N, C-alpha and C. Protein backbone atom coordinates (compact mmCIF):
# COMPACT_ATOMS: atom_id res chain seq x y z
N UNK A 1 0.07 -1.25 -0.23
CA UNK A 1 0.22 -0.13 -0.25
C UNK A 1 0.97 1.16 0.31
N UNK A 2 0.45 2.41 -0.52
CA UNK A 2 1.35 3.22 -1.02
C UNK A 2 1.10 4.20 0.57
N UNK A 3 2.10 4.96 0.79
CA UNK A 3 1.98 5.60 2.18
C UNK A 3 1.26 6.93 1.53
N UNK A 4 1.05 7.44 2.80
CA UNK A 4 1.30 9.16 2.72
C UNK A 4 2.11 9.93 2.17
N UNK A 5 3.43 9.86 3.46
CA UNK A 5 4.61 10.30 2.76
C UNK A 5 4.93 9.54 1.13
N UNK A 6 4.94 8.39 0.76
CA UNK A 6 5.15 8.09 -1.04
C UNK A 6 4.00 9.44 -1.46
N UNK A 7 3.21 9.58 -1.48
CA UNK A 7 2.18 10.48 -2.10
C UNK A 7 2.26 11.50 -2.19
N UNK A 8 3.14 12.10 -1.33
CA UNK A 8 3.62 13.79 -0.77
C UNK A 8 4.64 13.64 -1.53
N UNK A 9 5.39 12.71 -2.11
CA UNK A 9 6.78 13.41 -2.83
C UNK A 9 6.08 12.95 -4.12
N UNK A 10 5.48 12.43 -4.28
CA UNK A 10 4.90 12.42 -6.01
C UNK A 10 4.53 13.28 -5.72
N UNK A 11 3.53 13.83 -4.87
CA UNK A 11 3.15 15.24 -5.30
C UNK A 11 4.07 16.85 -5.62
N UNK A 12 5.00 16.44 -5.09
CA UNK A 12 6.28 17.31 -4.53
C UNK A 12 6.93 16.83 -6.49
N UNK A 13 6.96 16.43 -6.66
CA UNK A 13 7.90 16.01 -7.96
C UNK A 13 7.35 15.89 -9.61
N UNK A 14 5.58 16.33 -8.69
CA UNK A 14 4.76 16.99 -10.38
C UNK A 14 4.39 18.43 -9.97
N UNK A 15 5.31 19.05 -9.17
CA UNK A 15 4.79 20.55 -9.47
C UNK A 15 5.29 21.32 -9.97
N UNK A 16 4.67 22.29 -10.15
CA UNK A 16 5.19 22.51 -11.73
C UNK A 16 5.53 24.41 -11.57
N UNK A 17 6.49 24.32 -11.53
CA UNK A 17 7.01 25.85 -11.22
C UNK A 17 6.27 27.18 -12.02
N UNK A 18 6.08 27.09 -13.31
CA UNK A 18 4.94 27.79 -14.28
C UNK A 18 3.98 28.53 -13.70
N UNK A 19 3.22 28.09 -13.08
CA UNK A 19 1.75 27.90 -12.63
C UNK A 19 2.32 28.60 -10.65
N UNK A 20 3.63 28.31 -10.23
CA UNK A 20 3.43 29.01 -8.68
C UNK A 20 3.97 30.16 -8.97
N UNK A 21 4.65 31.00 -9.99
CA UNK A 21 5.15 31.79 -9.90
C UNK A 21 4.52 32.68 -9.02
N UNK A 22 4.82 34.01 -8.31
CA UNK A 22 4.57 35.06 -7.75
C UNK A 22 3.50 34.35 -6.48
N UNK A 23 3.08 32.69 -6.29
CA UNK A 23 2.22 33.14 -4.82
C UNK A 23 3.43 33.57 -3.97
N UNK A 24 2.67 32.83 -2.88
CA UNK A 24 2.98 32.19 -1.63
C UNK A 24 1.39 31.84 -0.81
N UNK A 25 1.96 31.40 -0.78
CA UNK A 25 0.66 29.91 -0.16
C UNK A 25 1.12 28.60 0.04
N UNK A 26 0.00 28.08 1.26
CA UNK A 26 0.38 27.08 2.09
C UNK A 26 -0.64 26.23 1.79
N UNK A 27 -0.60 24.84 1.30
CA UNK A 27 -1.61 23.83 1.58
C UNK A 27 -1.30 22.67 2.74
N UNK A 28 -2.77 22.86 3.64
CA UNK A 28 -2.41 21.73 4.43
C UNK A 28 -3.08 20.72 4.13
N UNK A 29 -2.90 19.12 4.21
CA UNK A 29 -3.42 17.63 4.34
C UNK A 29 -3.80 17.26 5.43
N UNK A 30 -4.28 17.01 6.14
CA UNK A 30 -5.03 16.32 6.89
C UNK A 30 -6.06 15.41 6.61
N UNK A 31 -5.10 14.00 7.33
CA UNK A 31 -5.35 13.11 6.25
C UNK A 31 -5.33 12.13 7.79
N UNK A 32 -7.18 11.64 7.21
CA UNK A 32 -7.63 10.96 8.58
C UNK A 32 -7.06 9.48 9.80
N UNK A 33 -6.40 9.30 8.31
CA UNK A 33 -6.04 7.72 8.73
C UNK A 33 -3.95 7.65 9.15
N UNK A 34 -3.92 9.08 8.26
CA UNK A 34 -2.46 8.71 7.83
C UNK A 34 -1.67 10.04 8.58
N UNK A 35 -0.85 10.50 7.96
CA UNK A 35 0.15 11.38 8.57
C UNK A 35 -0.12 12.45 7.34
N UNK A 36 -0.29 13.57 8.89
CA UNK A 36 -0.19 15.32 8.33
C UNK A 36 0.74 15.69 7.50
N UNK A 37 0.41 16.75 6.34
CA UNK A 37 1.70 17.35 5.74
C UNK A 37 1.39 18.04 5.33
N UNK A 38 2.15 19.15 4.81
CA UNK A 38 1.65 21.03 3.42
C UNK A 38 2.21 21.56 3.17
N UNK A 39 2.26 21.38 1.63
CA UNK A 39 3.14 22.13 0.91
C UNK A 39 2.92 24.02 0.72
N UNK A 40 4.61 24.21 1.25
CA UNK A 40 4.50 26.13 0.95
C UNK A 40 4.80 26.12 -0.47
N UNK A 41 4.07 26.61 -1.21
CA UNK A 41 4.62 26.79 -2.76
C UNK A 41 4.92 28.35 -2.41
N UNK A 42 5.98 28.80 -3.35
CA UNK A 42 6.82 30.09 -2.87
C UNK A 42 7.14 30.34 -3.83
N UNK A 43 7.01 31.45 -5.01
CA UNK A 43 7.85 31.84 -6.09
C UNK A 43 8.16 31.05 -7.04
N UNK A 44 7.11 30.13 -7.34
CA UNK A 44 8.50 28.76 -8.70
C UNK A 44 8.99 27.34 -7.63
N UNK A 45 8.13 27.91 -6.12
CA UNK A 45 9.37 26.48 -5.07
C UNK A 45 8.63 26.00 -4.67
N UNK A 46 8.37 24.30 -4.33
CA UNK A 46 7.81 23.95 -3.12
C UNK A 46 8.63 23.61 -1.90
N UNK A 47 7.95 23.35 -0.90
CA UNK A 47 9.15 22.54 0.35
C UNK A 47 7.62 21.35 0.80
N UNK A 48 8.04 21.04 1.40
CA UNK A 48 7.32 19.73 1.46
C UNK A 48 7.40 19.15 3.35
N UNK A 49 6.49 19.04 4.04
CA UNK A 49 7.11 19.36 5.49
C UNK A 49 5.67 18.27 6.01
N UNK A 50 6.53 17.58 7.27
CA UNK A 50 4.76 16.72 7.57
C UNK A 50 4.85 17.92 9.04
N UNK A 51 3.55 17.11 9.72
CA UNK A 51 2.53 17.63 10.72
C UNK A 51 1.66 18.74 10.18
N UNK A 52 1.22 19.95 10.72
CA UNK A 52 -0.21 20.49 10.78
C UNK A 52 0.55 22.54 10.86
N UNK A 53 0.21 22.91 9.42
CA UNK A 53 0.56 24.13 9.50
C UNK A 53 0.05 25.38 10.12
N UNK A 54 0.19 25.84 10.83
CA UNK A 54 -0.93 27.00 11.33
C UNK A 54 -1.31 28.16 10.60
N UNK A 55 0.24 28.08 9.43
CA UNK A 55 -0.44 28.94 8.51
C UNK A 55 -1.04 29.26 6.99
N UNK A 56 -1.69 27.93 7.09
CA UNK A 56 -1.67 27.22 6.23
C UNK A 56 -3.25 27.88 5.28
N UNK A 57 -3.41 28.24 4.64
CA UNK A 57 -4.52 28.73 3.87
C UNK A 57 -5.99 28.10 3.11
N UNK A 58 -5.30 27.27 3.02
CA UNK A 58 -6.59 25.86 2.91
C UNK A 58 -5.44 24.76 3.14
N UNK A 59 -6.89 24.06 3.87
CA UNK A 59 -7.07 22.62 4.43
C UNK A 59 -7.21 21.56 3.90
N UNK A 60 -6.85 20.47 3.65
CA UNK A 60 -7.82 19.36 2.83
C UNK A 60 -8.09 18.72 3.74
N UNK A 61 -9.10 18.45 3.95
CA UNK A 61 -8.99 17.32 4.84
C UNK A 61 -9.77 15.25 4.57
N UNK A 62 -9.16 13.79 4.21
CA UNK A 62 -10.02 13.21 3.13
C UNK A 62 -8.57 12.32 4.11
N UNK A 63 -9.33 10.73 3.66
CA UNK A 63 -8.20 9.42 3.72
C UNK A 63 -7.20 9.20 3.11
N UNK A 64 -6.21 8.64 3.37
CA UNK A 64 -5.93 8.26 2.01
C UNK A 64 -5.60 7.79 0.83
N UNK A 65 -7.15 7.02 0.54
CA UNK A 65 -7.50 6.63 -0.16
C UNK A 65 -7.99 7.74 -1.39
N UNK A 66 -8.68 8.24 -0.65
CA UNK A 66 -8.97 9.14 -1.74
C UNK A 66 -7.88 10.27 -2.44
N UNK A 67 -6.49 10.79 -1.31
CA UNK A 67 -5.68 11.57 -1.44
C UNK A 67 -4.58 10.61 -2.47
N UNK A 68 -4.69 9.99 -2.44
CA UNK A 68 -3.73 8.90 -3.34
C UNK A 68 -4.68 8.39 -4.83
N UNK A 69 -6.35 8.67 -4.38
CA UNK A 69 -7.06 8.65 -5.68
C UNK A 69 -6.46 10.05 -6.59
N UNK A 70 -7.00 10.95 -6.25
CA UNK A 70 -6.68 12.35 -6.45
C UNK A 70 -5.72 12.22 -6.63
N UNK A 71 -4.61 12.51 -6.60
CA UNK A 71 -3.04 11.75 -7.00
C UNK A 71 -2.76 11.28 -8.53
N UNK A 72 -3.18 10.70 -8.24
CA UNK A 72 -3.24 9.19 -9.80
C UNK A 72 -3.50 10.02 -10.27
N UNK A 73 -4.81 10.58 -10.59
CA UNK A 73 -6.30 10.42 -11.44
C UNK A 73 -7.60 9.44 -11.78
N UNK A 74 -7.74 8.91 -10.41
CA UNK A 74 -8.64 8.02 -10.64
C UNK A 74 -9.67 7.99 -9.95
N UNK A 75 -9.44 9.13 -9.63
CA UNK A 75 -10.54 10.20 -8.73
C UNK A 75 -10.62 12.08 -8.70
N UNK A 76 -11.46 12.08 -8.79
CA UNK A 76 -11.72 13.28 -9.32
C UNK A 76 -11.98 14.44 -8.11
N UNK A 77 -10.88 15.34 -7.38
CA UNK A 77 -10.92 16.28 -7.14
C UNK A 77 -12.53 16.47 -6.40
N UNK A 78 -13.05 17.44 -7.58
CA UNK A 78 -14.31 17.77 -7.79
C UNK A 78 -15.34 16.95 -7.17
N UNK A 79 -15.53 15.81 -7.52
CA UNK A 79 -16.04 14.68 -6.87
C UNK A 79 -16.16 14.54 -6.21
N UNK A 80 -14.28 14.30 -5.02
CA UNK A 80 -15.11 13.89 -4.13
C UNK A 80 -14.96 14.53 -3.04
N UNK A 81 -15.42 15.73 -3.69
CA UNK A 81 -15.37 16.73 -2.55
C UNK A 81 -17.21 17.02 -2.42
N UNK A 82 -17.65 16.60 -3.64
CA UNK A 82 -19.54 16.79 -3.61
C UNK A 82 -20.08 15.30 -2.40
N UNK A 83 -19.06 14.47 -3.33
CA UNK A 83 -19.66 13.37 -2.13
C UNK A 83 -19.15 12.99 -0.53
N UNK A 84 -18.48 14.29 -0.49
CA UNK A 84 -18.36 14.02 1.16
C UNK A 84 -17.07 13.02 1.76
N UNK A 85 -16.51 12.93 0.41
CA UNK A 85 -15.01 12.25 0.96
C UNK A 85 -13.56 12.53 0.74
N UNK A 86 -13.90 14.27 0.31
CA UNK A 86 -13.15 15.52 0.86
C UNK A 86 -13.70 16.75 0.83
N UNK A 87 -13.16 17.37 2.50
CA UNK A 87 -13.42 18.29 2.90
C UNK A 87 -12.93 19.31 3.15
N UNK A 88 -12.93 21.30 2.83
CA UNK A 88 -11.66 22.29 2.78
C UNK A 88 -12.12 22.94 4.22
N UNK A 89 -10.92 23.69 5.05
CA UNK A 89 -11.37 24.72 5.65
C UNK A 89 -10.33 25.31 4.89
N UNK A 90 -10.49 27.10 5.26
CA UNK A 90 -9.93 28.17 4.77
C UNK A 90 -10.46 28.26 2.77
N UNK A 91 -9.44 28.71 2.59
CA UNK A 91 -10.09 29.28 1.10
C UNK A 91 -10.09 28.19 0.37
N UNK A 92 -11.37 27.73 -0.17
CA UNK A 92 -11.90 27.18 -0.58
C UNK A 92 -11.55 27.51 -2.04
N UNK A 93 -11.14 27.93 -2.83
CA UNK A 93 -10.61 28.52 -4.00
C UNK A 93 -9.54 27.61 -4.07
N UNK A 94 -8.43 28.63 -3.08
CA UNK A 94 -7.36 27.49 -4.19
C UNK A 94 -6.99 26.33 -3.69
N UNK A 95 -8.12 25.40 -3.10
CA UNK A 95 -7.88 24.53 -3.63
C UNK A 95 -7.88 23.97 -4.72
N UNK A 96 -8.70 24.99 -5.75
CA UNK A 96 -8.39 24.13 -7.10
C UNK A 96 -7.95 24.49 -8.18
N UNK A 97 -6.92 25.93 -7.47
CA UNK A 97 -5.90 25.82 -8.03
C UNK A 97 -4.82 24.73 -7.84
N UNK A 98 -4.59 23.77 -6.99
CA UNK A 98 -3.40 22.05 -6.61
C UNK A 98 -3.56 21.72 -8.05
N UNK A 99 -4.80 21.81 -9.10
CA UNK A 99 -4.81 20.94 -10.51
C UNK A 99 -3.88 21.55 -11.49
N UNK A 100 -3.61 23.29 -10.54
CA UNK A 100 -2.63 23.76 -12.18
C UNK A 100 -1.04 23.10 -11.43
N UNK A 101 -1.22 23.16 -9.45
CA UNK A 101 0.33 24.28 -9.28
C UNK A 101 0.97 22.22 -10.03
N UNK A 102 -0.08 20.87 -9.20
CA UNK A 102 0.33 19.50 -8.76
C UNK A 102 -0.32 18.79 -10.18
N UNK A 103 0.01 18.54 -11.35
CA UNK A 103 -1.18 18.02 -12.39
C UNK A 103 -0.75 16.96 -12.35
N UNK A 104 -2.03 15.15 -12.77
CA UNK A 104 -1.42 14.06 -12.68
C UNK A 104 -1.10 13.99 -14.24
């Protein structure tokens, strides 16, 4: 089984720096059955850290299976949200930027 750490590293490897030009955002990921992490996107770079960031602009709450599905393209993020498998706290519109920043 793929771990949350593996998924987070995969996301980092897919990062699109061109889409992050001029941004300064923190995306939190609260994983109900795994380890929380956050991605700090700043001026075309991304940093990955474990735990919870008090500075997160948006925090996405889901389980490992949903996270894995979204990052591989097997699960549509909007469908997961509408189906209650994904919740967002903070600026929900920023969650829409994840597809540009971390393309599948």
